[in-house]
Amino acid sequence: MKWLVLNYAWVRMGQILGTGENELLFRGTYEQQFDDVMVPLNAVIDGMFKAVDSFYRSERGHGEEAKDESTFFQLANLDKMSTRFWNSNRNKYKNRTESRIEKFETALDLKNLTEFV
């Protein structure tokens, strides 16, 4: 479960932060633990965990055929399956998490963090 959350967070945060200066700016805010940035980031990660848990519950199977978490999260092509779930209407956490990502991006306000470079 953690791998899927980490993978998705890495991709989404990479889109926001890019590389170089912006990456250093984020690192500075993280090290300083600015609540106005960290609270939205934690909300993003929480939403991602909820979505991955929902994905697991919808895809694990039923009854005796149901896979436990450790078995399920070792399946091949899980990243492709989870991406399809993330983009589907079955993911009730997508819009809320995407909104939280926007709040994180706004809170980060990279232009005002030049003191960390």
PDB file of N, CA and C in Angstrom:
ATOM      1  N   MET A   1       0.828  -1.191   0.000  1.00  0.00           N
ATOM      2  CA  MET A   1       0.000   0.000   0.000  1.00  0.00           C
ATOM      3  C   MET A   1       0.875   1.260   0.000  1.00  0.00           C
ATOM      4  N   LYS A   2       1.895   1.248   0.850  1.00  0.00           N
ATOM      5  CA  LYS A   2       2.762   2.418   0.960  1.00  0.00           C
ATOM      6  C   LYS A   2       3.463   2.712  -0.361  1.00  0.00           C
ATOM      7  N   TRP A   3       3.830   1.651  -1.098  1.00  0.00           N
ATOM      8  CA  TRP A   3       4.520   1.849  -2.365  1.00  0.00           C
ATOM      9  C   TRP A   3       3.648   2.622  -3.346  1.00  0.00           C
ATOM     10  N   LEU A   4       2.367   2.268  -3.426  1.00  0.00           N
ATOM     11  CA  LEU A   4       1.481   2.962  -4.356  1.00  0.00           C
ATOM     12  C   LEU A   4       1.308   4.423  -3.966  1.00  0.00           C
ATOM     13  N   VAL A   5       1.161   4.681  -2.673  1.00  0.00           N
ATOM     14  CA  VAL A   5       1.027   6.064  -2.211  1.00  0.00           C
ATOM     15  C   VAL A   5       2.305   6.839  -2.516  1.00  0.00           C
ATOM     16  N   LEU A   6       3.441   6.250  -2.198  1.00  0.00           N
ATOM     17  CA  LEU A   6       4.715   6.908  -2.452  1.00  0.00           C
ATOM     18  C   LEU A   6       4.902   7.177  -3.948  1.00  0.00           C
ATOM     19  N   ASN A   7       4.573   6.207  -4.780  1.00  0.00           N
ATOM     20  CA  ASN A   7       4.703   6.371  -6.218  1.00  0.00           C
ATOM     21  C   ASN A   7       3.833   7.518  -6.721  1.00  0.00           C
ATOM     22  N   TYR A   8       2.579   7.531  -6.317  1.00  0.00           N
ATOM     23  CA  TYR A   8       1.682   8.583  -6.790  1.00  0.00           C
ATOM     24  C   TYR A   8       2.110   9.943  -6.240  1.00  0.00           C
ATOM     25  N   ALA A   9       2.482   9.992  -4.966  1.00  0.00           N
ATOM     26  CA  ALA A   9       2.932  11.256  -4.375  1.00  0.00           C
ATOM     27  C   ALA A   9       4.183  11.765  -5.088  1.00  0.00           C
ATOM     28  N   TRP A  10       5.094  10.873  -5.390  1.00  0.00           N
ATOM     29  CA  TRP A  10       6.338  11.242  -6.076  1.00  0.00           C
ATOM     30  C   TRP A  10       6.031  11.857  -7.442  1.00  0.00           C
ATOM     31  N   VAL A  11       5.130  11.211  -8.180  1.00  0.00           N
ATOM     32  CA  VAL A  11       4.775  11.719  -9.505  1.00  0.00           C
ATOM     33  C   VAL A  11       4.110  13.089  -9.386  1.00  0.00           C
ATOM     34  N   ARG A  12       3.115  13.203  -8.514  1.00  0.00           N
ATOM     35  CA  ARG A  12       2.372  14.469  -8.398  1.00  0.00           C
ATOM     36  C   ARG A  12       3.237  15.590  -7.836  1.00  0.00           C
ATOM     37  N   MET A  13       4.027  15.307  -6.816  1.00  0.00           N
ATOM     38  CA  MET A  13       4.875  16.354  -6.245  1.00  0.00           C
ATOM     39  C   MET A  13       5.972  16.738  -7.231  1.00  0.00           C
ATOM     40  N   GLY A  14       6.446  15.773  -8.005  1.00  0.00           N
ATOM     41  CA  GLY A  14       7.442  16.067  -9.029  1.00  0.00           C
ATOM     42  C   GLY A  14       6.902  17.024 -10.083  1.00  0.00           C
ATOM     43  N   GLN A  15       5.622  16.888 -10.394  1.00  0.00           N
ATOM     44  CA  GLN A  15       4.997  17.797 -11.350  1.00  0.00           C
ATOM     45  C   GLN A  15       4.936  19.221 -10.800  1.00  0.00           C
ATOM     46  N   ILE A  16       4.755  19.339  -9.513  1.00  0.00           N
ATOM     47  CA  ILE A  16       4.654  20.653  -8.874  1.00  0.00           C
ATOM     48  C   ILE A  16       6.034  21.256  -8.651  1.00  0.00           C
ATOM     49  N   LEU A  17       6.944  20.455  -8.150  1.00  0.00           N
ATOM     50  CA  LEU A  17       8.246  20.971  -7.736  1.00  0.00           C
ATOM     51  C   LEU A  17       9.268  21.025  -8.851  1.00  0.00           C
ATOM     52  N   GLY A  18       9.184  20.096  -9.782  1.00  0.00           N
ATOM     53  CA  GLY A  18      10.184  20.035 -10.834  1.00  0.00           C
ATOM     54  C   GLY A  18      11.538  19.670 -10.250  1.00  0.00           C
ATOM     55  N   THR A  19      12.574  20.317 -10.721  1.00  0.00           N
ATOM     56  CA  THR A  19      13.918  20.042 -10.229  1.00  0.00           C
ATOM     57  C   THR A  19      14.629  21.361  -9.951  1.00  0.00           C
ATOM     58  N   GLY A  20      15.778  21.261  -9.388  1.00  0.00           N
ATOM     59  CA  GLY A  20      16.617  22.432  -9.168  1.00  0.00           C
ATOM     60  C   GLY A  20      16.131  23.336  -8.050  1.00  0.00           C
ATOM     61  N   GLU A  21      15.961  24.611  -8.370  1.00  0.00           N
ATOM     62  CA  GLU A  21      15.647  25.620  -7.369  1.00  0.00           C
ATOM     63  C   GLU A  21      14.347  25.329  -6.611  1.00  0.00           C
ATOM     64  N   ASN A  22      13.304  24.965  -7.328  1.00  0.00           N
ATOM     65  CA  ASN A  22      12.021  24.693  -6.667  1.00  0.00           C
ATOM     66  C   ASN A  22      12.133  23.523  -5.686  1.00  0.00           C
ATOM     67  N   GLU A  23      12.920  22.546  -6.064  1.00  0.00           N
ATOM     68  CA  GLU A  23      13.139  21.400  -5.185  1.00  0.00           C
ATOM     69  C   GLU A  23      13.828  21.847  -3.890  1.00  0.00           C
ATOM     70  N   LEU A  24      14.821  22.705  -4.017  1.00  0.00           N
ATOM     71  CA  LEU A  24      15.525  23.232  -2.842  1.00  0.00           C
ATOM     72  C   LEU A  24      14.602  24.086  -1.979  1.00  0.00           C
ATOM     73  N   LEU A  25      13.750  24.849  -2.631  1.00  0.00           N
ATOM     74  CA  LEU A  25      12.805  25.675  -1.886  1.00  0.00           C
ATOM     75  C   LEU A  25      11.854  24.806  -1.059  1.00  0.00           C
ATOM     76  N   PHE A  26      11.356  23.738  -1.672  1.00  0.00           N
ATOM     77  CA  PHE A  26      10.469  22.845  -0.931  1.00  0.00           C
ATOM     78  C   PHE A  26      11.216  22.213   0.245  1.00  0.00           C
ATOM     79  N   ARG A  27      12.427  21.793  -0.002  1.00  0.00           N
ATOM     80  CA  ARG A  27      13.218  21.179   1.070  1.00  0.00           C
ATOM     81  C   ARG A  27      13.353  22.123   2.256  1.00  0.00           C
ATOM     82  N   GLY A  28      13.581  23.388   1.991  1.00  0.00           N
ATOM     83  CA  GLY A  28      13.683  24.379   3.063  1.00  0.00           C
ATOM     84  C   GLY A  28      12.394  24.496   3.857  1.00  0.00           C
ATOM     85  N   THR A  29      11.264  24.506   3.173  1.00  0.00           N
ATOM     86  CA  THR A  29       9.989  24.603   3.886  1.00  0.00           C
ATOM     87  C   THR A  29       9.728  23.346   4.702  1.00  0.00           C
ATOM     88  N   TYR A  30      10.120  22.201   4.146  1.00  0.00           N
ATOM     89  CA  TYR A  30       9.922  20.944   4.863  1.00  0.00           C
ATOM     90  C   TYR A  30      10.784  20.898   6.117  1.00  0.00           C
ATOM     91  N   GLU A  31      12.032  21.292   5.975  1.00  0.00           N
ATOM     92  CA  GLU A  31      12.937  21.270   7.129  1.00  0.00           C
ATOM     93  C   GLU A  31      12.491  22.240   8.216  1.00  0.00           C
ATOM     94  N   GLN A  32      11.883  23.342   7.823  1.00  0.00           N
ATOM     95  CA  GLN A  32      11.384  24.322   8.790  1.00  0.00           C
ATOM     96  C   GLN A  32      10.008  23.943   9.337  1.00  0.00           C
ATOM     97  N   GLN A  33       9.373  22.953   8.705  1.00  0.00           N
ATOM     98  CA  GLN A  33       8.061  22.459   9.124  1.00  0.00           C
ATOM     99  C   GLN A  33       7.018  23.579   9.206  1.00  0.00           C
ATOM    100  N   PHE A  34       6.941  24.392   8.159  1.00  0.00           N
ATOM    101  CA  PHE A  34       5.940  25.444   8.102  1.00  0.00           C
ATOM    102  C   PHE A  34       4.557  24.815   8.016  1.00  0.00           C
ATOM    103  N   ASP A  35       3.720  25.069   9.029  1.00  0.00           N
ATOM    104  CA  ASP A  35       2.394  24.463   9.071  1.00  0.00           C
ATOM    105  C   ASP A  35       1.544  24.817   7.854  1.00  0.00           C
ATOM    106  N   ASP A  36       1.693  26.034   7.345  1.00  0.00           N
ATOM    107  CA  ASP A  36       0.864  26.425   6.207  1.00  0.00           C
ATOM    108  C   ASP A  36       1.168  25.610   4.955  1.00  0.00           C
ATOM    109  N   VAL A  37       2.327  24.969   4.915  1.00  0.00           N
ATOM    110  CA  VAL A  37       2.681  24.079   3.805  1.00  0.00           C
ATOM    111  C   VAL A  37       2.496  22.619   4.203  1.00  0.00           C
ATOM    112  N   MET A  38       2.888  22.280   5.423  1.00  0.00           N
ATOM    113  CA  MET A  38       2.858  20.878   5.848  1.00  0.00           C
ATOM    114  C   MET A  38       1.449  20.345   6.066  1.00  0.00           C
ATOM    115  N   VAL A  39       0.542  21.164   6.573  1.00  0.00           N
ATOM    116  CA  VAL A  39      -0.828  20.692   6.803  1.00  0.00           C
ATOM    117  C   VAL A  39      -1.479  20.286   5.477  1.00  0.00           C
ATOM    118  N   PRO A  40      -1.407  21.122   4.423  1.00  0.00           N
ATOM    119  CA  PRO A  40      -1.973  20.668   3.144  1.00  0.00           C
ATOM    120  C   PRO A  40      -1.258  19.437   2.573  1.00  0.00           C
ATOM    121  N   LEU A  41       0.056  19.363   2.728  1.00  0.00           N
ATOM    122  CA  LEU A  41       0.795  18.195   2.232  1.00  0.00           C
ATOM    123  C   LEU A  41       0.343  16.932   2.958  1.00  0.00           C
ATOM    124  N   ASN A  42       0.199  17.004   4.261  1.00  0.00           N
ATOM    125  CA  ASN A  42      -0.279  15.844   5.021  1.00  0.00           C
ATOM    126  C   ASN A  42      -1.691  15.446   4.597  1.00  0.00           C
ATOM    127  N   ALA A  43      -2.532  16.438   4.287  1.00  0.00           N
ATOM    128  CA  ALA A  43      -3.890  16.143   3.819  1.00  0.00           C
ATOM    129  C   ALA A  43      -3.852  15.437   2.457  1.00  0.00           C
ATOM    130  N   VAL A  44      -2.916  15.824   1.593  1.00  0.00           N
ATOM    131  CA  VAL A  44      -2.748  15.165   0.296  1.00  0.00           C
ATOM    132  C   VAL A  44      -2.385  13.696   0.509  1.00  0.00           C
ATOM    133  N   ILE A  45      -1.400  13.458   1.344  1.00  0.00           N
ATOM    134  CA  ILE A  45      -0.943  12.087   1.595  1.00  0.00           C
ATOM    135  C   ILE A  45      -2.058  11.259   2.223  1.00  0.00           C
ATOM    136  N   ASP A  46      -2.804  11.836   3.145  1.00  0.00           N
ATOM    137  CA  ASP A  46      -3.933  11.143   3.765  1.00  0.00           C
ATOM    138  C   ASP A  46      -4.972  10.755   2.710  1.00  0.00           C
ATOM    139  N   GLY A  47      -5.277  11.676   1.801  1.00  0.00           N
ATOM    140  CA  GLY A  47      -6.229  11.377   0.734  1.00  0.00           C
ATOM    141  C   GLY A  47      -5.744  10.268  -0.176  1.00  0.00           C
ATOM    142  N   MET A  48      -4.450  10.260  -0.430  1.00  0.00           N
ATOM    143  CA  MET A  48      -3.877   9.206  -1.275  1.00  0.00           C
ATOM    144  C   MET A  48      -3.973   7.849  -0.595  1.00  0.00           C
ATOM    145  N   PHE A  49      -3.703   7.799   0.703  1.00  0.00           N
ATOM    146  CA  PHE A  49      -3.843   6.539   1.435  1.00  0.00           C
ATOM    147  C   PHE A  49      -5.285   6.048   1.403  1.00  0.00           C
ATOM    148  N   LYS A  50      -6.230   6.944   1.573  1.00  0.00           N
ATOM    149  CA  LYS A  50      -7.643   6.552   1.543  1.00  0.00           C
ATOM    150  C   LYS A  50      -8.037   6.023   0.170  1.00  0.00           C
ATOM    151  N   ALA A  51      -7.524   6.652  -0.883  1.00  0.00           N
ATOM    152  CA  ALA A  51      -7.834   6.193  -2.232  1.00  0.00           C
ATOM    153  C   ALA A  51      -7.232   4.812  -2.496  1.00  0.00           C
ATOM    154  N   VAL A  52      -5.998   4.593  -2.053  1.00  0.00           N
ATOM    155  CA  VAL A  52      -5.353   3.288  -2.249  1.00  0.00           C
ATOM    156  C   VAL A  52      -6.077   2.209  -1.444  1.00  0.00           C
ATOM    157  N   ASP A  53      -6.523   2.543  -0.242  1.00  0.00           N
ATOM    158  CA  ASP A  53      -7.292   1.584   0.549  1.00  0.00           C
ATOM    159  C   ASP A  53      -8.605   1.246  -0.151  1.00  0.00           C
ATOM    160  N   SER A  54      -9.253   2.252  -0.716  1.00  0.00           N
ATOM    161  CA  SER A  54     -10.488   2.031  -1.464  1.00  0.00           C
ATOM    162  C   SER A  54     -10.227   1.161  -2.696  1.00  0.00           C
ATOM    163  N   PHE A  55      -9.110   1.401  -3.375  1.00  0.00           N
ATOM    164  CA  PHE A  55      -8.704   0.583  -4.519  1.00  0.00           C
ATOM    165  C   PHE A  55      -8.542  -0.870  -4.092  1.00  0.00           C
ATOM    166  N   TYR A  56      -7.826  -1.096  -3.001  1.00  0.00           N
ATOM    167  CA  TYR A  56      -7.620  -2.456  -2.497  1.00  0.00           C
ATOM    168  C   TYR A  56      -8.963  -3.126  -2.206  1.00  0.00           C
ATOM    169  N   ARG A  57      -9.825  -2.434  -1.496  1.00  0.00           N
ATOM    170  CA  ARG A  57     -11.114  -3.021  -1.114  1.00  0.00           C
ATOM    171  C   ARG A  57     -11.985  -3.343  -2.328  1.00  0.00           C
ATOM    172  N   SER A  58     -11.857  -2.540  -3.386  1.00  0.00           N
ATOM    173  CA  SER A  58     -12.685  -2.787  -4.572  1.00  0.00           C
ATOM    174  C   SER A  58     -12.117  -3.883  -5.475  1.00  0.00           C
ATOM    175  N   GLU A  59     -10.819  -4.145  -5.382  1.00  0.00           N
ATOM    176  CA  GLU A  59     -10.170  -5.072  -6.316  1.00  0.00           C
ATOM    177  C   GLU A  59      -9.681  -6.372  -5.680  1.00  0.00           C
ATOM    178  N   ARG A  60      -9.752  -6.516  -4.393  1.00  0.00           N
ATOM    179  CA  ARG A  60      -9.158  -7.684  -3.721  1.00  0.00           C
ATOM    180  C   ARG A  60      -9.908  -8.982  -3.950  1.00  0.00           C
ATOM    181  N   GLY A  61     -11.166  -8.893  -4.367  1.00  0.00           N
ATOM    182  CA  GLY A  61     -11.987 -10.088  -4.522  1.00  0.00           C
ATOM    183  C   GLY A  61     -12.926 -10.238  -3.335  1.00  0.00           C
ATOM    184  N   HIS A  62     -13.722 -11.309  -3.365  1.00  0.00           N
ATOM    185  CA  HIS A  62     -14.729 -11.516  -2.318  1.00  0.00           C
ATOM    186  C   HIS A  62     -14.667 -12.939  -1.786  1.00  0.00           C
ATOM    187  N   GLY A  63     -15.104 -13.074  -0.548  1.00  0.00           N
ATOM    188  CA  GLY A  63     -15.182 -14.396   0.067  1.00  0.00           C
ATOM    189  C   GLY A  63     -13.832 -15.074   0.181  1.00  0.00           C
ATOM    190  N   GLU A  64     -13.833 -16.367  -0.070  1.00  0.00           N
ATOM    191  CA  GLU A  64     -12.600 -17.141   0.034  1.00  0.00           C
ATOM    192  C   GLU A  64     -11.582 -16.762  -1.044  1.00  0.00           C
ATOM    193  N   GLU A  65     -12.041 -16.148  -2.111  1.00  0.00           N
ATOM    194  CA  GLU A  65     -11.162 -15.727  -3.208  1.00  0.00           C
ATOM    195  C   GLU A  65     -10.439 -14.407  -2.896  1.00  0.00           C
ATOM    196  N   ALA A  66     -10.883 -13.700  -1.864  1.00  0.00           N
ATOM    197  CA  ALA A  66     -10.318 -12.385  -1.543  1.00  0.00           C
ATOM    198  C   ALA A  66      -8.846 -12.512  -1.156  1.00  0.00           C
ATOM    199  N   LYS A  67      -8.044 -11.588  -1.661  1.00  0.00           N
ATOM    200  CA  LYS A  67      -6.617 -11.558  -1.337  1.00  0.00           C
ATOM    201  C   LYS A  67      -6.390 -10.669  -0.122  1.00  0.00           C
ATOM    202  N   ASP A  68      -5.484 -11.122   0.760  1.00  0.00           N
ATOM    203  CA  ASP A  68      -5.135 -10.247   1.877  1.00  0.00           C
ATOM    204  C   ASP A  68      -4.222  -9.141   1.351  1.00  0.00           C
ATOM    205  N   GLU A  69      -4.006  -8.089   2.167  1.00  0.00           N
ATOM    206  CA  GLU A  69      -3.227  -6.930   1.720  1.00  0.00           C
ATOM    207  C   GLU A  69      -1.840  -7.302   1.222  1.00  0.00           C
ATOM    208  N   SER A  70      -1.127  -8.102   1.988  1.00  0.00           N
ATOM    209  CA  SER A  70       0.255  -8.397   1.603  1.00  0.00           C
ATOM    210  C   SER A  70       0.328  -9.121   0.264  1.00  0.00           C
ATOM    211  N   THR A  71      -0.630  -9.998  -0.011  1.00  0.00           N
ATOM    212  CA  THR A  71      -0.665 -10.704  -1.290  1.00  0.00           C
ATOM    213  C   THR A  71      -1.104  -9.762  -2.406  1.00  0.00           C
ATOM    214  N   PHE A  72      -2.134  -8.991  -2.140  1.00  0.00           N
ATOM    215  CA  PHE A  72      -2.683  -8.094  -3.150  1.00  0.00           C
ATOM    216  C   PHE A  72      -1.644  -7.092  -3.644  1.00  0.00           C
ATOM    217  N   PHE A  73      -0.909  -6.483  -2.729  1.00  0.00           N
ATOM    218  CA  PHE A  73       0.021  -5.430  -3.112  1.00  0.00           C
ATOM    219  C   PHE A  73       1.319  -5.950  -3.722  1.00  0.00           C
ATOM    220  N   GLN A  74       1.388  -7.265  -3.957  1.00  0.00           N
ATOM    221  CA  GLN A  74       2.515  -7.843  -4.684  1.00  0.00           C
ATOM    222  C   GLN A  74       2.126  -8.246  -6.111  1.00  0.00           C
ATOM    223  N   LEU A  75       0.880  -7.980  -6.486  1.00  0.00           N
ATOM    224  CA  LEU A  75       0.422  -8.337  -7.823  1.00  0.00           C
ATOM    225  C   LEU A  75       1.201  -7.584  -8.900  1.00  0.00           C
ATOM    226  N   ALA A  76       1.379  -8.233 -10.036  1.00  0.00           N
ATOM    227  CA  ALA A  76       2.019  -7.590 -11.189  1.00  0.00           C
ATOM    228  C   ALA A  76       1.081  -6.536 -11.768  1.00  0.00           C
ATOM    229  N   ASN A  77       1.637  -5.495 -12.338  1.00  0.00           N
ATOM    230  CA  ASN A  77       0.886  -4.423 -12.997  1.00  0.00           C
ATOM    231  C   ASN A  77      -0.037  -3.661 -12.057  1.00  0.00           C
ATOM    232  N   LEU A  78       0.274  -3.668 -10.787  1.00  0.00           N
ATOM    233  CA  LEU A  78      -0.568  -2.977  -9.814  1.00  0.00           C
ATOM    234  C   LEU A  78      -0.581  -1.476 -10.060  1.00  0.00           C
ATOM    235  N   ASP A  79       0.534  -0.916 -10.504  1.00  0.00           N
ATOM    236  CA  ASP A  79       0.567   0.518 -10.767  1.00  0.00           C
ATOM    237  C   ASP A  79      -0.394   0.900 -11.888  1.00  0.00           C
ATOM    238  N   LYS A  80      -0.497   0.075 -12.918  1.00  0.00           N
ATOM    239  CA  LYS A  80      -1.436   0.350 -14.016  1.00  0.00           C
ATOM    240  C   LYS A  80      -2.876   0.203 -13.538  1.00  0.00           C
ATOM    241  N   MET A  81      -3.126  -0.840 -12.755  1.00  0.00           N
ATOM    242  CA  MET A  81      -4.468  -1.054 -12.218  1.00  0.00           C
ATOM    243  C   MET A  81      -4.882   0.109 -11.323  1.00  0.00           C
ATOM    244  N   SER A  82      -3.964   0.559 -10.484  1.00  0.00           N
ATOM    245  CA  SER A  82      -4.298   1.638  -9.546  1.00  0.00           C
ATOM    246  C   SER A  82      -4.496   2.957 -10.284  1.00  0.00           C
ATOM    247  N   THR A  83      -3.752   3.179 -11.360  1.00  0.00           N
ATOM    248  CA  THR A  83      -3.932   4.402 -12.150  1.00  0.00           C
ATOM    249  C   THR A  83      -5.311   4.415 -12.801  1.00  0.00           C
ATOM    250  N   ARG A  84      -5.744   3.266 -13.322  1.00  0.00           N
ATOM    251  CA  ARG A  84      -7.091   3.179 -13.888  1.00  0.00           C
ATOM    252  C   ARG A  84      -8.140   3.461 -12.805  1.00  0.00           C
ATOM    253  N   PHE A  85      -7.924   2.891 -11.603  1.00  0.00           N
ATOM    254  CA  PHE A  85      -8.861   3.142 -10.512  1.00  0.00           C
ATOM    255  C   PHE A  85      -8.854   4.619 -10.143  1.00  0.00           C
ATOM    256  N   TRP A  86      -7.653   5.213 -10.027  1.00  0.00           N
ATOM    257  CA  TRP A  86      -7.534   6.616  -9.623  1.00  0.00           C
ATOM    258  C   TRP A  86      -8.346   7.511 -10.556  1.00  0.00           C
ATOM    259  N   ASN A  87      -8.308   7.222 -11.847  1.00  0.00           N
ATOM    260  CA  ASN A  87      -8.984   8.057 -12.837  1.00  0.00           C
ATOM    261  C   ASN A  87     -10.452   7.691 -13.046  1.00  0.00           C
ATOM    262  N   SER A  88     -10.910   6.650 -12.381  1.00  0.00           N
ATOM    263  CA  SER A  88     -12.289   6.195 -12.587  1.00  0.00           C
ATOM    264  C   SER A  88     -13.261   6.921 -11.645  1.00  0.00           C
ATOM    265  N   ASN A  89     -14.537   6.733 -11.937  1.00  0.00           N
ATOM    266  CA  ASN A  89     -15.588   7.298 -11.080  1.00  0.00           C
ATOM    267  C   ASN A  89     -15.701   6.552  -9.752  1.00  0.00           C
ATOM    268  N   ARG A  90     -15.085   5.389  -9.665  1.00  0.00           N
ATOM    269  CA  ARG A  90     -15.141   4.619  -8.413  1.00  0.00           C
ATOM    270  C   ARG A  90     -14.268   5.224  -7.322  1.00  0.00           C
ATOM    271  N   ASN A  91     -13.331   6.071  -7.698  1.00  0.00           N
ATOM    272  CA  ASN A  91     -12.426   6.694  -6.732  1.00  0.00           C
ATOM    273  C   ASN A  91     -13.094   7.932  -6.141  1.00  0.00           C
ATOM    274  N   LYS A  92     -13.703   7.774  -4.991  1.00  0.00           N
ATOM    275  CA  LYS A  92     -14.410   8.903  -4.383  1.00  0.00           C
ATOM    276  C   LYS A  92     -13.463   9.890  -3.706  1.00  0.00           C
ATOM    277  N   TYR A  93     -12.167   9.597  -3.676  1.00  0.00           N
ATOM    278  CA  TYR A  93     -11.191  10.487  -3.031  1.00  0.00           C
ATOM    279  C   TYR A  93     -10.421  11.349  -4.035  1.00  0.00           C
ATOM    280  N   LYS A  94     -10.602  11.106  -5.318  1.00  0.00           N
ATOM    281  CA  LYS A  94      -9.807  11.806  -6.326  1.00  0.00           C
ATOM    282  C   LYS A  94     -10.004  13.316  -6.276  1.00  0.00           C
ATOM    283  N   ASN A  95     -11.234  13.784  -6.389  1.00  0.00           N
ATOM    284  CA  ASN A  95     -11.478  15.222  -6.445  1.00  0.00           C
ATOM    285  C   ASN A  95     -11.008  15.921  -5.179  1.00  0.00           C
ATOM    286  N   ARG A  96     -11.278  15.330  -4.042  1.00  0.00           N
ATOM    287  CA  ARG A  96     -10.866  15.921  -2.775  1.00  0.00           C
ATOM    288  C   ARG A  96      -9.340  15.983  -2.686  1.00  0.00           C
ATOM    289  N   THR A  97      -8.673  14.915  -3.098  1.00  0.00           N
ATOM    290  CA  THR A  97      -7.208  14.885  -3.037  1.00  0.00           C
ATOM    291  C   THR A  97      -6.608  15.866  -4.039  1.00  0.00           C
ATOM    292  N   GLU A  98      -7.167  15.935  -5.233  1.00  0.00           N
ATOM    293  CA  GLU A  98      -6.672  16.896  -6.222  1.00  0.00           C
ATOM    294  C   GLU A  98      -6.853  18.330  -5.718  1.00  0.00           C
ATOM    295  N   SER A  99      -7.962  18.587  -5.039  1.00  0.00           N
ATOM    296  CA  SER A  99      -8.181  19.910  -4.448  1.00  0.00           C
ATOM    297  C   SER A  99      -7.140  20.201  -3.374  1.00  0.00           C
ATOM    298  N   ARG A 100      -6.808  19.198  -2.588  1.00  0.00           N
ATOM    299  CA  ARG A 100      -5.779  19.356  -1.556  1.00  0.00           C
ATOM    300  C   ARG A 100      -4.401  19.583  -2.177  1.00  0.00           C
ATOM    301  N   ILE A 101      -4.151  18.960  -3.320  1.00  0.00           N
ATOM    302  CA  ILE A 101      -2.887  19.182  -4.028  1.00  0.00           C
ATOM    303  C   ILE A 101      -2.800  20.645  -4.456  1.00  0.00           C
ATOM    304  N   GLU A 102      -3.902  21.182  -4.950  1.00  0.00           N
ATOM    305  CA  GLU A 102      -3.921  22.595  -5.338  1.00  0.00           C
ATOM    306  C   GLU A 102      -3.674  23.497  -4.129  1.00  0.00           C
ATOM    307  N   LYS A 103      -4.259  23.152  -2.982  1.00  0.00           N
ATOM    308  CA  LYS A 103      -4.032  23.934  -1.761  1.00  0.00           C
ATOM    309  C   LYS A 103      -2.573  23.867  -1.331  1.00  0.00           C
ATOM    310  N   PHE A 104      -1.976  22.689  -1.459  1.00  0.00           N
ATOM    311  CA  PHE A 104      -0.559  22.544  -1.137  1.00  0.00           C
ATOM    312  C   PHE A 104       0.271  23.423  -2.053  1.00  0.00           C
ATOM    313  N   GLU A 105      -0.026  23.365  -3.340  1.00  0.00           N
ATOM    314  CA  GLU A 105       0.737  24.145  -4.311  1.00  0.00           C
ATOM    315  C   GLU A 105       0.613  25.640  -4.026  1.00  0.00           C
ATOM    316  N   THR A 106      -0.589  26.078  -3.697  1.00  0.00           N
ATOM    317  CA  THR A 106      -0.801  27.485  -3.357  1.00  0.00           C
ATOM    318  C   THR A 106      -0.048  27.846  -2.089  1.00  0.00           C
ATOM    319  N   ALA A 107      -0.127  26.991  -1.085  1.00  0.00           N
ATOM    320  CA  ALA A 107       0.542  27.263   0.189  1.00  0.00           C
ATOM    321  C   ALA A 107       2.056  27.309   0.028  1.00  0.00           C
ATOM    322  N   LEU A 108       2.567  26.493  -0.838  1.00  0.00           N
ATOM    323  CA  LEU A 108       4.013  26.461  -1.047  1.00  0.00           C
ATOM    324  C   LEU A 108       4.512  27.799  -1.579  1.00  0.00           C
ATOM    325  N   ASP A 109       3.755  28.371  -2.499  1.00  0.00           N
ATOM    326  CA  ASP A 109       4.068  29.697  -3.060  1.00  0.00           C
ATOM    327  C   ASP A 109       5.567  29.880  -3.256  1.00  0.00           C
ATOM    328  N   LEU A 110       6.097  29.109  -4.178  1.00  0.00           N
ATOM    329  CA  LEU A 110       7.535  29.024  -4.381  1.00  0.00           C
ATOM    330  C   LEU A 110       8.229  30.383  -4.564  1.00  0.00           C
ATOM    331  N   LYS A 111       7.531  31.328  -5.103  1.00  0.00           N
ATOM    332  CA  LYS A 111       8.147  32.625  -5.374  1.00  0.00           C
ATOM    333  C   LYS A 111       8.552  33.362  -4.099  1.00  0.00           C
ATOM    334  N   ASN A 112       7.853  33.083  -2.999  1.00  0.00           N
ATOM    335  CA  ASN A 112       8.125  33.800  -1.746  1.00  0.00           C
ATOM    336  C   ASN A 112       9.093  33.054  -0.829  1.00  0.00           C
ATOM    337  N   LEU A 113       9.675  31.953  -1.283  1.00  0.00           N
ATOM    338  CA  LEU A 113      10.529  31.154  -0.415  1.00  0.00           C
ATOM    339  C   LEU A 113      12.004  31.247  -0.786  1.00  0.00           C
ATOM    340  N   THR A 114      12.394  32.303  -1.450  1.00  0.00           N
ATOM    341  CA  THR A 114      13.774  32.414  -1.936  1.00  0.00           C
ATOM    342  C   THR A 114      14.801  32.476  -0.821  1.00  0.00           C
ATOM    343  N   GLU A 115      14.398  32.718   0.409  1.00  0.00           N
ATOM    344  CA  GLU A 115      15.360  32.769   1.509  1.00  0.00           C
ATOM    345  C   GLU A 115      16.026  31.423   1.783  1.00  0.00           C
ATOM    346  N   PHE A 116      15.487  30.319   1.221  1.00  0.00           N
ATOM    347  CA  PHE A 116      16.036  28.992   1.502  1.00  0.00           C
ATOM    348  C   PHE A 116      17.078  28.556   0.479  1.00  0.00           C
ATOM    349  N   VAL A 117      17.228  29.321  -0.583  1.00  0.00           N
ATOM    350  CA  VAL A 117      18.176  28.920  -1.643  1.00  0.00           C
ATOM    351  C   VAL A 117      19.586  29.275  -1.249  1.00  0.00           C
TER     352      VAL A 117
END
